[in-house]
């Protein structure tokens, strides 16, 4: 025979708690907890140190964080400097006990390599960190161009204690496949930067600026003289809370 509901349980239930007796009958139903939707509540893209405070009903936060990008190397002798390494990028699933707050620091992008008075590599950015033990390290600077070689791209930053690592010490050629996903979750502003399918940055195309991206290398043939590398983008973070 079909189970019968022997205790009234009228209404709609979210993440329901259902009690079934030994005969397979539903004898109680009520709303449960733990399956609330994640809601984006916090975005930060300014360098420096601050504090995140969770909403009163939060029991879990999802953190997406990036280290700063490095500067591109300077161009020289008809050759382009290397692109700066992207900042490490990861996801952390963090349980919360109320009341909850945590300090965080967002890293600053590295400066581009100068071509005058001497040709120089790009500088590494600085790391982003959350609650002291979660870290997205910065990318390393692109090397300067020499005659007759172009500069090499900088290596990307690594991640510590991550739940999922999107960029975590992968080779430079692996990184571009992750950039599209970052645009949808990381803060950014309009900037003349685009990233090709091979990982090379080009100026002159209006696209979204993504935090943590390495700077472009300088051009070796730019008139009237070779150009310096561009700076890397600052680190950034987005937090979702389970309050939806």
Protein backbone atom coordinates (compact mmCIF):
# COMPACT_ATOMS: atom_id res chain seq x y z
CA UNK A 1 0.00 0.00 0.00
CA UNK A 2 1.04 3.61 -0.54
CA UNK A 3 2.46 5.49 2.48
CA UNK A 4 0.00 7.85 4.13
CA UNK A 5 0.71 11.23 5.63
CA UNK A 6 -0.62 10.87 9.17
CA UNK A 7 0.47 14.28 10.48
CA UNK A 8 -0.51 17.54 8.79
CA UNK A 9 2.41 19.15 6.93
CA UNK A 10 0.72 21.89 4.94
CA UNK A 11 2.83 24.47 3.10
CA UNK A 12 6.07 24.80 1.15
CA UNK A 13 9.33 23.67 2.71
CA UNK A 14 12.89 24.75 1.92
CA UNK A 15 15.75 22.24 2.39
CA UNK A 16 13.11 20.09 4.05
CA UNK A 17 13.50 17.90 7.14
CA UNK A 18 11.28 14.84 6.62
CA UNK A 19 10.58 12.19 9.27
CA UNK A 20 9.48 8.74 8.07
CA UNK A 21 8.30 5.98 10.46
CA UNK A 22 9.09 2.25 10.25
CA UNK A 23 6.10 1.68 7.98
CA UNK A 24 7.36 4.21 5.43
CA UNK A 25 4.85 6.87 6.40
CA UNK A 26 5.72 10.57 6.48
CA UNK A 27 4.94 11.71 10.00
CA UNK A 28 6.55 15.19 10.05
CA UNK A 29 7.89 17.81 7.65
CA UNK A 30 9.54 21.16 8.26
CA UNK A 31 11.96 23.56 6.64
CA UNK A 32 15.59 22.73 7.23
CA UNK A 33 18.84 24.62 6.78
CA UNK A 34 22.10 24.39 4.87
CA UNK A 35 20.80 24.67 1.30
CA UNK A 36 20.38 28.42 1.00
CA UNK A 37 21.48 30.09 -2.21
CA UNK A 38 24.85 31.85 -2.31
CA UNK A 39 24.54 35.62 -2.75
CA UNK A 40 27.36 37.95 -3.80
CA UNK A 41 27.67 40.44 -0.95
CA UNK A 42 31.20 41.80 -1.10
CA UNK A 43 33.61 42.96 -3.81
CA UNK A 44 37.02 44.56 -3.25
CA UNK A 45 39.60 45.73 -5.79
CA UNK A 46 41.51 48.48 -3.97
CA UNK A 47 44.98 47.64 -2.71
CA UNK A 48 45.65 47.71 1.02
CA UNK A 49 44.30 46.06 4.17
CA UNK A 50 40.68 46.04 5.37
CA UNK A 51 38.19 43.77 7.18
CA UNK A 52 35.30 41.67 5.88
CA UNK A 53 32.30 41.17 8.20
CA UNK A 54 29.74 38.48 7.41
CA UNK A 55 25.98 39.00 7.46
CA UNK A 56 24.35 37.84 10.76
CA UNK A 57 22.70 34.77 9.20
CA UNK A 58 25.75 33.52 7.32
CA UNK A 59 27.13 30.05 8.08
CA UNK A 60 29.42 29.72 5.03
CA UNK A 61 31.24 32.03 2.63
CA UNK A 62 32.72 31.39 -0.81
CA UNK A 63 35.85 33.43 -1.47
CA UNK A 64 37.33 34.09 -4.93
CA UNK A 65 40.68 35.89 -4.67
CA UNK A 66 43.53 36.92 -6.96
CA UNK A 67 47.06 38.09 -6.36
CA UNK A 68 48.38 41.05 -8.30
CA UNK A 69 49.72 40.76 -11.83
CA UNK A 70 53.35 41.55 -12.61
CA UNK A 71 54.70 44.22 -14.90
CA UNK A 72 55.71 43.52 -18.48
CA UNK A 73 59.35 43.70 -19.55
CA UNK A 74 60.71 46.64 -21.49
CA UNK A 75 61.05 46.51 -25.28
CA UNK A 76 64.40 46.96 -26.99
CA UNK A 77 66.14 46.66 -30.34
CA UNK A 78 63.06 45.81 -32.36
CA UNK A 79 61.97 43.12 -29.86
CA UNK A 80 59.03 43.14 -27.43
CA UNK A 81 59.35 42.63 -23.70
CA UNK A 82 57.77 39.61 -22.00
CA UNK A 83 54.23 39.76 -20.65
CA UNK A 84 53.98 39.92 -16.86
CA UNK A 85 52.77 36.82 -15.02
CA UNK A 86 49.14 36.71 -13.86
CA UNK A 87 48.39 36.69 -10.16
CA UNK A 88 47.41 33.38 -8.55
CA UNK A 89 43.64 32.84 -8.60
CA UNK A 90 41.66 30.44 -6.40
CA UNK A 91 38.41 29.58 -4.65
CA UNK A 92 37.96 28.88 -0.94
CA UNK A 93 34.91 27.38 0.82
CA UNK A 94 34.98 28.78 4.37
CA UNK A 95 32.69 27.71 7.28
CA UNK A 96 31.54 30.62 9.44
CA UNK A 97 30.82 30.80 13.18
CA UNK A 98 28.96 33.94 14.21
CA UNK A 99 29.91 36.65 14.83
CA UNK A 100 32.44 36.50 12.01
CA UNK A 101 34.96 38.93 10.56
CA UNK A 102 38.35 38.50 8.94
CA UNK A 103 41.16 40.82 7.79
CA UNK A 104 42.32 40.78 4.18
CA UNK A 105 44.98 42.44 2.07
CA UNK A 106 44.89 42.99 -1.69
CA UNK A 107 48.20 43.14 -3.54
CA UNK A 108 49.39 45.94 -5.83
CA UNK A 109 50.34 45.31 -9.45
CA UNK A 110 54.02 45.29 -10.36
CA UNK A 111 55.53 48.14 -12.34
CA UNK A 112 56.52 47.72 -15.97
CA UNK A 113 60.16 47.42 -16.98
CA UNK A 114 61.66 50.74 -18.06
CA UNK A 115 63.71 51.21 -21.22
CA UNK A 116 65.59 54.33 -20.14
CA UNK A 117 68.27 54.81 -18.96
CA UNK A 118 68.59 51.01 -19.24
CA UNK A 119 66.30 48.21 -20.38
CA UNK A 120 64.75 46.39 -17.42
CA UNK A 121 62.42 43.47 -16.63
CA UNK A 122 58.95 44.01 -15.18
CA UNK A 123 58.56 43.88 -11.42
CA UNK A 124 56.59 41.23 -9.54
CA UNK A 125 53.29 42.28 -7.97
CA UNK A 126 52.41 41.63 -4.32
CA UNK A 127 50.30 38.87 -2.81
CA UNK A 128 46.67 39.04 -1.71
CA UNK A 129 45.72 37.31 1.54
CA UNK A 130 42.61 36.55 3.59
CA UNK A 131 42.56 35.89 7.33
CA UNK A 132 46.38 35.46 7.31
CA UNK A 133 46.42 31.81 6.10
CA UNK A 134 44.79 31.98 2.64
CA UNK A 135 47.08 33.48 0.03
CA UNK A 136 47.02 34.27 -3.69
CA UNK A 137 50.60 35.06 -4.62
CA UNK A 138 51.48 37.60 -7.29
CA UNK A 139 52.83 36.93 -10.77
CA UNK A 140 56.48 37.39 -11.64
CA UNK A 141 57.72 40.06 -14.02
CA UNK A 142 58.20 39.59 -17.74
CA UNK A 143 61.84 39.73 -18.81
CA UNK A 144 63.24 42.56 -20.87
CA UNK A 145 63.86 42.27 -24.59
CA UNK A 146 67.40 41.95 -25.85
CA UNK A 147 68.97 41.95 -29.29
CA UNK A 148 67.90 39.76 -31.04
CA UNK A 149 65.46 38.08 -28.63
CA UNK A 150 62.03 39.02 -27.27
CA UNK A 151 61.52 38.87 -23.52
CA UNK A 152 60.06 35.78 -21.86
CA UNK A 153 56.68 35.91 -20.07
CA UNK A 154 56.67 35.94 -16.29
CA UNK A 155 55.47 32.89 -14.35
CA UNK A 156 52.04 33.06 -12.66
CA UNK A 157 51.48 33.26 -8.93
CA UNK A 158 50.66 30.25 -6.76
CA UNK A 159 47.81 29.62 -4.27
CA UNK A 160 47.87 28.31 -0.70
CA UNK A 161 45.19 26.26 1.10
CA UNK A 162 42.74 26.61 -1.78
CA UNK A 163 39.54 24.60 -2.29
CA UNK A 164 39.96 24.96 -6.08
CA UNK A 165 42.93 26.55 -7.88
CA UNK A 166 42.26 28.21 -11.22
CA UNK A 167 45.81 29.53 -11.67
CA UNK A 168 48.28 27.81 -9.37
CA UNK A 169 51.73 27.57 -10.87
CA UNK A 170 50.50 26.39 -14.26
CA UNK A 171 52.63 27.18 -17.28
CA UNK A 172 51.88 30.50 -18.93
CA UNK A 173 50.27 28.83 -21.95
CA UNK A 174 47.65 27.24 -19.64
CA UNK A 175 46.44 30.55 -18.22
CA UNK A 176 44.35 32.16 -21.01
CA UNK A 177 41.64 29.48 -20.80
CA UNK A 178 40.81 30.74 -17.30
CA UNK A 179 40.60 34.45 -18.07
CA UNK A 180 37.02 34.36 -19.42
CA UNK A 181 35.73 32.76 -16.22
CA UNK A 182 37.50 35.36 -14.12
CA UNK A 183 35.82 38.25 -15.91
CA UNK A 184 32.41 37.06 -14.73
CA UNK A 185 33.36 37.07 -11.05
CA UNK A 186 36.22 39.47 -10.58
CA UNK A 187 35.82 43.27 -10.44
CA UNK A 188 37.15 45.27 -13.36
CA UNK A 189 36.91 48.53 -15.24
CA UNK A 190 37.23 49.50 -18.88
CA UNK A 191 40.84 49.49 -19.98
CA UNK A 192 42.64 49.13 -23.29
CA UNK A 193 43.74 45.55 -22.82
CA UNK A 194 42.92 42.31 -24.58
CA UNK A 195 44.41 38.83 -24.25
CA UNK A 196 44.95 36.65 -27.32
CA UNK A 197 44.44 32.90 -27.47
CA UNK A 198 48.21 32.46 -27.14
CA UNK A 199 48.44 34.48 -23.95
CA UNK A 200 49.89 37.64 -25.49
CA UNK A 201 48.46 40.96 -24.33
CA UNK A 202 47.73 43.63 -26.96
CA UNK A 203 46.84 47.28 -26.44
CA UNK A 204 44.30 49.23 -28.45
CA UNK A 205 41.15 47.13 -27.99
CA UNK A 206 38.62 48.21 -25.37
CA UNK A 207 37.89 45.22 -23.14
CA UNK A 208 37.19 44.44 -19.51
CA UNK A 209 40.17 44.92 -17.24
CA UNK A 210 40.48 41.87 -15.03
CA UNK A 211 42.20 42.18 -11.67
CA UNK A 212 45.44 40.25 -11.34
CA UNK A 213 46.32 40.18 -15.06
CA UNK A 214 49.98 40.69 -15.97
CA UNK A 215 51.05 43.82 -17.84
CA UNK A 216 51.89 43.96 -21.52
CA UNK A 217 55.49 43.88 -22.68
CA UNK A 218 57.00 47.02 -24.18
CA UNK A 219 57.31 47.37 -27.94
CA UNK A 220 60.79 47.34 -29.42
CA UNK A 221 59.89 49.27 -32.56
CA UNK A 222 57.64 51.97 -31.17
CA UNK A 223 58.40 55.42 -32.58
CA UNK A 224 60.34 57.42 -31.54
CA UNK A 225 61.93 54.89 -29.18
CA UNK A 226 61.28 51.47 -27.59
CA UNK A 227 58.55 51.51 -24.96
CA UNK A 228 58.46 50.41 -21.35
CA UNK A 229 56.33 47.50 -20.19
CA UNK A 230 52.90 48.25 -18.72
CA UNK A 231 52.11 47.61 -15.03
CA UNK A 232 50.23 44.56 -13.79
CA UNK A 233 46.68 44.83 -12.47
CA UNK A 234 46.00 44.93 -8.74
CA UNK A 235 44.61 41.94 -6.86
CA UNK A 236 40.90 41.54 -6.17
CA UNK A 237 38.35 39.45 -4.31
CA UNK A 238 34.66 38.55 -4.38
CA UNK A 239 32.71 36.93 -1.53
CA UNK A 240 29.39 35.04 -1.66
CA UNK A 241 27.36 34.26 1.50
CA UNK A 242 24.70 31.56 1.98
CA UNK A 243 21.84 33.94 2.79
CA UNK A 244 19.71 33.60 -0.32
